[in-house]
C-alpha atoms as a PDB file:
ATOM      1  CA  MET A   1     -10.181  -8.524 -24.125  1.00  0.00           C
ATOM      2  CA  LYS A   2     -11.777  -4.897 -24.369  1.00  0.00           C
ATOM      3  CA  PRO A   3     -10.250  -2.195 -22.731  1.00  0.00           C
ATOM      4  CA  LEU A   4     -12.407  -0.590 -19.543  1.00  0.00           C
ATOM      5  CA  GLY A   5     -12.623   3.377 -19.068  1.00  0.00           C
ATOM      6  CA  ILE A   6     -10.028   3.328 -16.086  1.00  0.00           C
ATOM      7  CA  GLU A   7      -6.768   3.054 -17.891  1.00  0.00           C
ATOM      8  CA  GLY A   8      -4.723  -0.515 -16.337  1.00  0.00           C
ATOM      9  CA  ALA A   9      -8.374  -2.296 -16.339  1.00  0.00           C
ATOM     10  CA  TRP A  10      -9.832  -4.942 -18.957  1.00  0.00           C
ATOM     11  CA  VAL A  11     -13.222  -6.835 -19.209  1.00  0.00           C
ATOM     12  CA  HIS A  12     -12.873 -10.342 -21.332  1.00  0.00           C
ATOM     13  CA  THR A  13     -16.276 -12.349 -22.559  1.00  0.00           C
ATOM     14  CA  PRO A  14     -14.978 -16.017 -23.782  1.00  0.00           C
ATOM     15  CA  THR A  15     -16.827 -18.093 -26.108  1.00  0.00           C
ATOM     16  CA  VAL A  16     -18.589 -19.996 -24.416  1.00  0.00           C
ATOM     17  CA  PHE A  17     -19.187 -24.111 -26.044  1.00  0.00           C
ATOM     18  CA  THR A  18     -22.310 -25.960 -24.851  1.00  0.00           C
ATOM     19  CA  ASP A  19     -23.265 -29.372 -26.373  1.00  0.00           C
ATOM     20  CA  ASN A  20     -25.889 -32.413 -24.643  1.00  0.00           C
ATOM     21  CA  ARG A  21     -22.524 -32.556 -22.398  1.00  0.00           C
ATOM     22  CA  GLY A  22     -22.476 -29.470 -20.791  1.00  0.00           C
ATOM     23  CA  ARG A  23     -20.124 -26.623 -21.098  1.00  0.00           C
ATOM     24  CA  PHE A  24     -16.352 -25.453 -21.568  1.00  0.00           C
ATOM     25  CA  HIS A  25     -14.700 -21.948 -22.059  1.00  0.00           C
ATOM     26  CA  GLU A  26     -11.111 -20.669 -21.900  1.00  0.00           C
ATOM     27  CA  TRP A  27     -11.115 -18.037 -19.074  1.00  0.00           C
ATOM     28  CA  PHE A  28      -7.522 -17.647 -19.686  1.00  0.00           C
ATOM     29  CA  ARG A  29      -5.204 -17.734 -22.519  1.00  0.00           C
ATOM     30  CA  SER A  30      -1.815 -15.687 -22.025  1.00  0.00           C
ATOM     31  CA  ASP A  31      -0.843 -15.492 -25.791  1.00  0.00           C
ATOM     32  CA  ARG A  32      -4.360 -13.776 -26.151  1.00  0.00           C
ATOM     33  CA  PHE A  33      -3.986 -11.488 -22.562  1.00  0.00           C
ATOM     34  CA  HIS A  34      -0.180 -10.533 -23.767  1.00  0.00           C
ATOM     35  CA  ASP A  35      -1.115  -8.845 -27.165  1.00  0.00           C
ATOM     36  CA  ALA A  36      -4.625  -7.070 -25.095  1.00  0.00           C
ATOM     37  CA  VAL A  37      -2.582  -5.554 -22.202  1.00  0.00           C
ATOM     38  CA  GLY A  38       0.915  -5.540 -23.381  1.00  0.00           C
ATOM     39  CA  GLN A  39       2.326  -7.687 -21.157  1.00  0.00           C
ATOM     40  CA  GLY A  40       2.131 -11.307 -19.499  1.00  0.00           C
ATOM     41  CA  LEU A  41       0.288 -11.788 -16.174  1.00  0.00           C
ATOM     42  CA  ARG A  42       3.065 -13.098 -13.683  1.00  0.00           C
ATOM     43  CA  LEU A  43       0.676 -16.064 -11.932  1.00  0.00           C
ATOM     44  CA  ALA A  44       2.327 -16.428  -8.059  1.00  0.00           C
ATOM     45  CA  GLN A  45      -1.016 -16.903  -6.366  1.00  0.00           C
ATOM     46  CA  ALA A  46      -4.732 -18.254  -7.207  1.00  0.00           C
ATOM     47  CA  ASN A  47      -7.460 -17.534  -5.082  1.00  0.00           C
ATOM     48  CA  CYS A  48     -11.013 -19.007  -4.528  1.00  0.00           C
ATOM     49  CA  SER A  49     -13.884 -17.361  -2.332  1.00  0.00           C
ATOM     50  CA  ARG A  50     -16.986 -18.352  -1.603  1.00  0.00           C
ATOM     51  CA  SER A  51     -19.914 -15.686  -0.302  1.00  0.00           C
ATOM     52  CA  VAL A  52     -23.101 -16.048   0.583  1.00  0.00           C
ATOM     53  CA  ARG A  53     -25.664 -13.154  -0.948  1.00  0.00           C
ATOM     54  CA  GLY A  54     -25.080  -9.655   0.064  1.00  0.00           C
ATOM     55  CA  THR A  55     -21.650 -10.232   1.046  1.00  0.00           C
ATOM     56  CA  LEU A  56     -19.391  -7.222   0.183  1.00  0.00           C
ATOM     57  CA  ARG A  57     -15.321  -7.938  -0.446  1.00  0.00           C
ATOM     58  CA  GLY A  58     -13.105  -4.900  -0.748  1.00  0.00           C
ATOM     59  CA  ILE A  59     -12.375  -2.678  -1.847  1.00  0.00           C
ATOM     60  CA  HIS A  60      -8.788  -4.059  -1.700  1.00  0.00           C
ATOM     61  CA  TYR A  61      -5.137  -2.581  -3.305  1.00  0.00           C
ATOM     62  CA  ALA A  62      -1.561  -3.522  -2.022  1.00  0.00           C
ATOM     63  CA  SER A  63       1.165  -0.965  -1.743  1.00  0.00           C
ATOM     64  CA  VAL A  64       3.030  -0.060  -4.736  1.00  0.00           C
ATOM     65  CA  PRO A  65       5.799  -1.782  -5.870  1.00  0.00           C
ATOM     66  CA  PRO A  66       5.251  -4.425  -6.552  1.00  0.00           C
ATOM     67  CA  GLY A  67       1.492  -3.905  -6.136  1.00  0.00           C
ATOM     68  CA  GLN A  68      -0.308  -6.803  -6.728  1.00  0.00           C
ATOM     69  CA  ALA A  69      -2.356  -7.423 -10.536  1.00  0.00           C
ATOM     70  CA  LYS A  70      -5.600  -9.760 -10.741  1.00  0.00           C
ATOM     71  CA  TYR A  71      -7.565 -11.785 -13.319  1.00  0.00           C
ATOM     72  CA  VAL A  72     -10.793 -12.041 -11.670  1.00  0.00           C
ATOM     73  CA  THR A  73     -13.855 -14.565 -12.704  1.00  0.00           C
ATOM     74  CA  CYS A  74     -17.316 -15.906 -11.293  1.00  0.00           C
ATOM     75  CA  VAL A  75     -17.654 -19.688 -11.948  1.00  0.00           C
ATOM     76  CA  SER A  76     -20.710 -19.784  -9.853  1.00  0.00           C
ATOM     77  CA  GLY A  77     -23.727 -17.893  -9.343  1.00  0.00           C
ATOM     78  CA  ALA A  78     -22.968 -14.086  -9.431  1.00  0.00           C
ATOM     79  CA  VAL A  79     -20.940 -10.781  -8.201  1.00  0.00           C
ATOM     80  CA  LEU A  80     -21.247  -7.384  -9.080  1.00  0.00           C
ATOM     81  CA  ASP A  81     -17.295  -6.764  -9.539  1.00  0.00           C
ATOM     82  CA  VAL A  82     -16.045  -3.177  -9.378  1.00  0.00           C
ATOM     83  CA  VAL A  83     -12.801  -1.271 -10.004  1.00  0.00           C
ATOM     84  CA  VAL A  84     -11.553   1.752  -8.172  1.00  0.00           C
ATOM     85  CA  ASP A  85      -8.951   4.355  -9.570  1.00  0.00           C
ATOM     86  CA  ILE A  86      -7.551   4.529  -6.487  1.00  0.00           C
ATOM     87  CA  ARG A  87      -3.745   6.154  -7.855  1.00  0.00           C
ATOM     88  CA  THR A  88      -3.192   9.634  -6.890  1.00  0.00           C
ATOM     89  CA  GLY A  89      -2.379  11.687  -9.989  1.00  0.00           C
ATOM     90  CA  SER A  90      -4.464   9.427 -12.428  1.00  0.00           C
ATOM     91  CA  PRO A  91      -7.437  11.396 -14.531  1.00  0.00           C
ATOM     92  CA  THR A  92      -9.582   8.879 -13.830  1.00  0.00           C
ATOM     93  CA  PHE A  93      -9.081   8.873  -9.465  1.00  0.00           C
ATOM     94  CA  GLY A  94     -11.989   8.087  -7.992  1.00  0.00           C
ATOM     95  CA  LYS A  95     -13.524   6.477 -10.455  1.00  0.00           C
ATOM     96  CA  TRP A  96     -15.255   2.890 -10.456  1.00  0.00           C
ATOM     97  CA  GLU A  97     -16.442   0.572 -13.002  1.00  0.00           C
ATOM     98  CA  ALA A  98     -19.346  -2.221 -12.250  1.00  0.00           C
ATOM     99  CA  ILE A  99     -18.957  -5.176 -14.275  1.00  0.00           C
ATOM    100  CA  ARG A 100     -21.022  -8.430 -13.702  1.00  0.00           C
ATOM    101  CA  LEU A 101     -19.379 -11.237 -13.630  1.00  0.00           C
ATOM    102  CA  ASP A 102     -21.242 -14.656 -13.406  1.00  0.00           C
ATOM    103  CA  ASP A 103     -21.596 -18.170 -14.215  1.00  0.00           C
ATOM    104  CA  VAL A 104     -23.287 -17.675 -17.960  1.00  0.00           C
ATOM    105  CA  THR A 105     -21.775 -15.330 -19.307  1.00  0.00           C
ATOM    106  CA  HIS A 106     -17.643 -16.132 -17.913  1.00  0.00           C
ATOM    107  CA  SER A 107     -16.725 -12.633 -18.475  1.00  0.00           C
ATOM    108  CA  CYS A 108     -13.601 -12.147 -16.492  1.00  0.00           C
ATOM    109  CA  VAL A 109     -11.591  -8.395 -15.169  1.00  0.00           C
ATOM    110  CA  TYR A 110      -7.805  -7.466 -14.972  1.00  0.00           C
ATOM    111  CA  LEU A 111      -7.502  -4.805 -12.725  1.00  0.00           C
ATOM    112  CA  SER A 112      -3.258  -4.405 -13.135  1.00  0.00           C
ATOM    113  CA  GLU A 113      -1.314  -2.877 -10.353  1.00  0.00           C
ATOM    114  CA  GLY A 114      -2.469   0.002  -8.527  1.00  0.00           C
ATOM    115  CA  LEU A 115      -5.965  -0.506  -8.856  1.00  0.00           C
ATOM    116  CA  GLY A 116      -8.766  -1.036  -6.269  1.00  0.00           C
ATOM    117  CA  HIS A 117     -10.914  -3.871  -6.235  1.00  0.00           C
ATOM    118  CA  ALA A 118     -14.415  -5.148  -4.639  1.00  0.00           C
ATOM    119  CA  PHE A 119     -17.061  -7.473  -5.330  1.00  0.00           C
ATOM    120  CA  MET A 120     -20.537  -7.831  -4.282  1.00  0.00           C
ATOM    121  CA  ALA A 121     -22.253 -11.565  -4.518  1.00  0.00           C
ATOM    122  CA  LEU A 122     -25.150 -11.202  -5.793  1.00  0.00           C
ATOM    123  CA  ASP A 123     -26.337 -14.890  -5.194  1.00  0.00           C
ATOM    124  CA  ASP A 124     -25.697 -17.507  -1.888  1.00  0.00           C
ATOM    125  CA  ASN A 125     -22.603 -19.122  -2.906  1.00  0.00           C
ATOM    126  CA  SER A 126     -21.094 -17.576  -5.558  1.00  0.00           C
ATOM    127  CA  THR A 127     -17.911 -18.951  -6.304  1.00  0.00           C
ATOM    128  CA  VAL A 128     -15.159 -16.193  -7.508  1.00  0.00           C
ATOM    129  CA  VAL A 129     -11.541 -17.425  -8.656  1.00  0.00           C
ATOM    130  CA  TYR A 130      -8.662 -14.762  -9.074  1.00  0.00           C
ATOM    131  CA  LEU A 131      -4.990 -14.979 -10.286  1.00  0.00           C
ATOM    132  CA  CYS A 132      -2.204 -12.571  -8.707  1.00  0.00           C
ATOM    133  CA  SER A 133       0.682 -11.530  -9.828  1.00  0.00           C
ATOM    134  CA  GLN A 134       1.700 -11.347  -6.268  1.00  0.00           C
ATOM    135  CA  GLU A 135       1.398 -13.236  -3.039  1.00  0.00           C
ATOM    136  CA  TYR A 136      -0.517 -12.024  -0.320  1.00  0.00           C
ATOM    137  CA  ALA A 137       1.516 -10.120   2.073  1.00  0.00           C
ATOM    138  CA  PRO A 138      -0.183  -8.527   5.124  1.00  0.00           C
ATOM    139  CA  GLN A 139       2.228  -5.866   5.432  1.00  0.00           C
ATOM    140  CA  ARG A 140       1.461  -4.272   2.124  1.00  0.00           C
ATOM    141  CA  GLU A 141      -2.221  -4.874   2.153  1.00  0.00           C
ATOM    142  CA  TYR A 142      -5.048  -1.859   2.543  1.00  0.00           C
ATOM    143  CA  GLY A 143      -8.591  -1.016   1.830  1.00  0.00           C
ATOM    144  CA  ILE A 144     -10.789   1.741   1.316  1.00  0.00           C
ATOM    145  CA  HIS A 145     -14.407   1.358   2.959  1.00  0.00           C
ATOM    146  CA  PRO A 146     -17.006   0.363   0.130  1.00  0.00           C
ATOM    147  CA  LEU A 147     -19.737   2.652   1.026  1.00  0.00           C
ATOM    148  CA  ASP A 148     -17.862   5.626   1.104  1.00  0.00           C
ATOM    149  CA  PRO A 149     -20.500   7.935   0.511  1.00  0.00           C
ATOM    150  CA  ALA A 150     -17.746  10.241  -2.118  1.00  0.00           C
ATOM    151  CA  LEU A 151     -17.599   7.169  -3.999  1.00  0.00           C
ATOM    152  CA  ASP A 152     -21.005   6.512  -4.528  1.00  0.00           C
ATOM    153  CA  ILE A 153     -20.695   3.152  -5.454  1.00  0.00           C
ATOM    154  CA  ASP A 154     -23.902   1.721  -7.116  1.00  0.00           C
ATOM    155  CA  TRP A 155     -24.699  -0.945  -5.350  1.00  0.00           C
ATOM    156  CA  PRO A 156     -27.189  -3.546  -5.452  1.00  0.00           C
ATOM    157  CA  GLU A 157     -30.297  -1.832  -3.002  1.00  0.00           C
ATOM    158  CA  ASP A 158     -32.088  -5.023  -2.649  1.00  0.00           C
ATOM    159  CA  VAL A 159     -29.108  -6.815  -0.704  1.00  0.00           C
ATOM    160  CA  GLU A 160     -28.450  -6.613   2.847  1.00  0.00           C
ATOM    161  CA  VAL A 161     -24.548  -5.660   3.223  1.00  0.00           C
ATOM    162  CA  ARG A 162     -22.094  -8.258   5.125  1.00  0.00           C
ATOM    163  CA  LEU A 163     -18.983  -6.745   5.818  1.00  0.00           C
ATOM    164  CA  SER A 164     -15.814  -8.277   7.099  1.00  0.00           C
ATOM    165  CA  GLY A 165     -14.935  -6.009  10.412  1.00  0.00           C
ATOM    166  CA  LYS A 166     -11.380  -5.355   8.595  1.00  0.00           C
ATOM    167  CA  ASP A 167     -13.740  -3.690   5.613  1.00  0.00           C
ATOM    168  CA  ALA A 168     -15.452  -2.081   7.624  1.00  0.00           C
ATOM    169  CA  ALA A 169     -12.944  -0.383   9.735  1.00  0.00           C
ATOM    170  CA  ALA A 170     -11.288   0.144   6.045  1.00  0.00           C
ATOM    171  CA  PRO A 171     -10.869   4.417   5.832  1.00  0.00           C
ATOM    172  CA  THR A 172     -12.652   6.623   2.816  1.00  0.00           C
ATOM    173  CA  LEU A 173     -10.689   7.305  -0.107  1.00  0.00           C
ATOM    174  CA  ASP A 174     -10.068  10.717   1.387  1.00  0.00           C
ATOM    175  CA  GLU A 175      -8.906   9.410   4.520  1.00  0.00           C
ATOM    176  CA  ALA A 176      -6.677   7.554   2.713  1.00  0.00           C
ATOM    177  CA  GLU A 177      -5.214   9.987   0.763  1.00  0.00           C
ATOM    178  CA  ARG A 178      -4.283  12.211   3.611  1.00  0.00           C
ATOM    179  CA  GLN A 179      -2.762   9.260   4.970  1.00  0.00           C
ATOM    180  CA  GLY A 180      -0.491   8.830   2.086  1.00  0.00           C
ATOM    181  CA  LEU A 181      -2.000   5.004   1.900  1.00  0.00           C
ATOM    182  CA  LEU A 182      -2.888   5.412  -1.956  1.00  0.00           C
ATOM    183  CA  PRO A 183      -0.470   4.316  -5.318  1.00  0.00           C
ATOM    184  CA  SER A 184       0.726   6.790  -7.381  1.00  0.00           C
ATOM    185  CA  PHE A 185      -0.656   6.804 -10.796  1.00  0.00           C
ATOM    186  CA  GLU A 186       3.284   7.562 -11.951  1.00  0.00           C
ATOM    187  CA  ALA A 187       3.948   4.900  -9.674  1.00  0.00           C
ATOM    188  CA  CYS A 188       1.620   2.228 -11.338  1.00  0.00           C
ATOM    189  CA  ALA A 189       2.712   3.177 -14.785  1.00  0.00           C
ATOM    190  CA  GLU A 190       6.358   2.452 -14.285  1.00  0.00           C
ATOM    191  CA  LEU A 191       5.451  -1.534 -14.043  1.00  0.00           C
ATOM    192  CA  ARG A 192       4.020  -1.204 -17.128  1.00  0.00           C
ATOM    193  CA  PRO A 193       5.216  -1.119 -20.454  1.00  0.00           C
ATOM    194  CA  HIS A 194       4.959   1.944 -22.398  1.00  0.00           C
ATOM    195  CA  GLY A 195       2.883   2.096 -25.908  1.00  0.00           C
END
């Protein structure tokens, strides 16, 4: 696993073994995850999402504590997966990183508690699966508008965007900060071991 430029986020590209029968890869292994991240991933929920081209899901996050860490991969099709630093007080607050996840490289993204997450389907029937450290709890789930001009995320321009009503009505990062809805960098750091 390789750390991204946003503290608390990593990308993993597994070795894919192919032969005349098909292919095989390990997309998660707890010992290697622990060695890279410095802690284990508590598995509380596993999700599967299938989306048509242009579907944009996010930017989603959960209040901290307890937050919700996610380990994400795309098992069919392709998505542009985006990690956004929404933690107040973070040196990279408001920054984002995009990683293509697809059924060729089988790359995975881990984002720790307090980071925002979004993805856009680049193909029809793109299927994303992700492991979550906490169960979904509507009362502590929030969102940031994925097309917030201040974030200026470089979404593909040749794709017609499809948003849910909830995501379309989400506040901008600035509005969420003014409303006190964002996790703090300090509170998120307290959830992880110190190196």
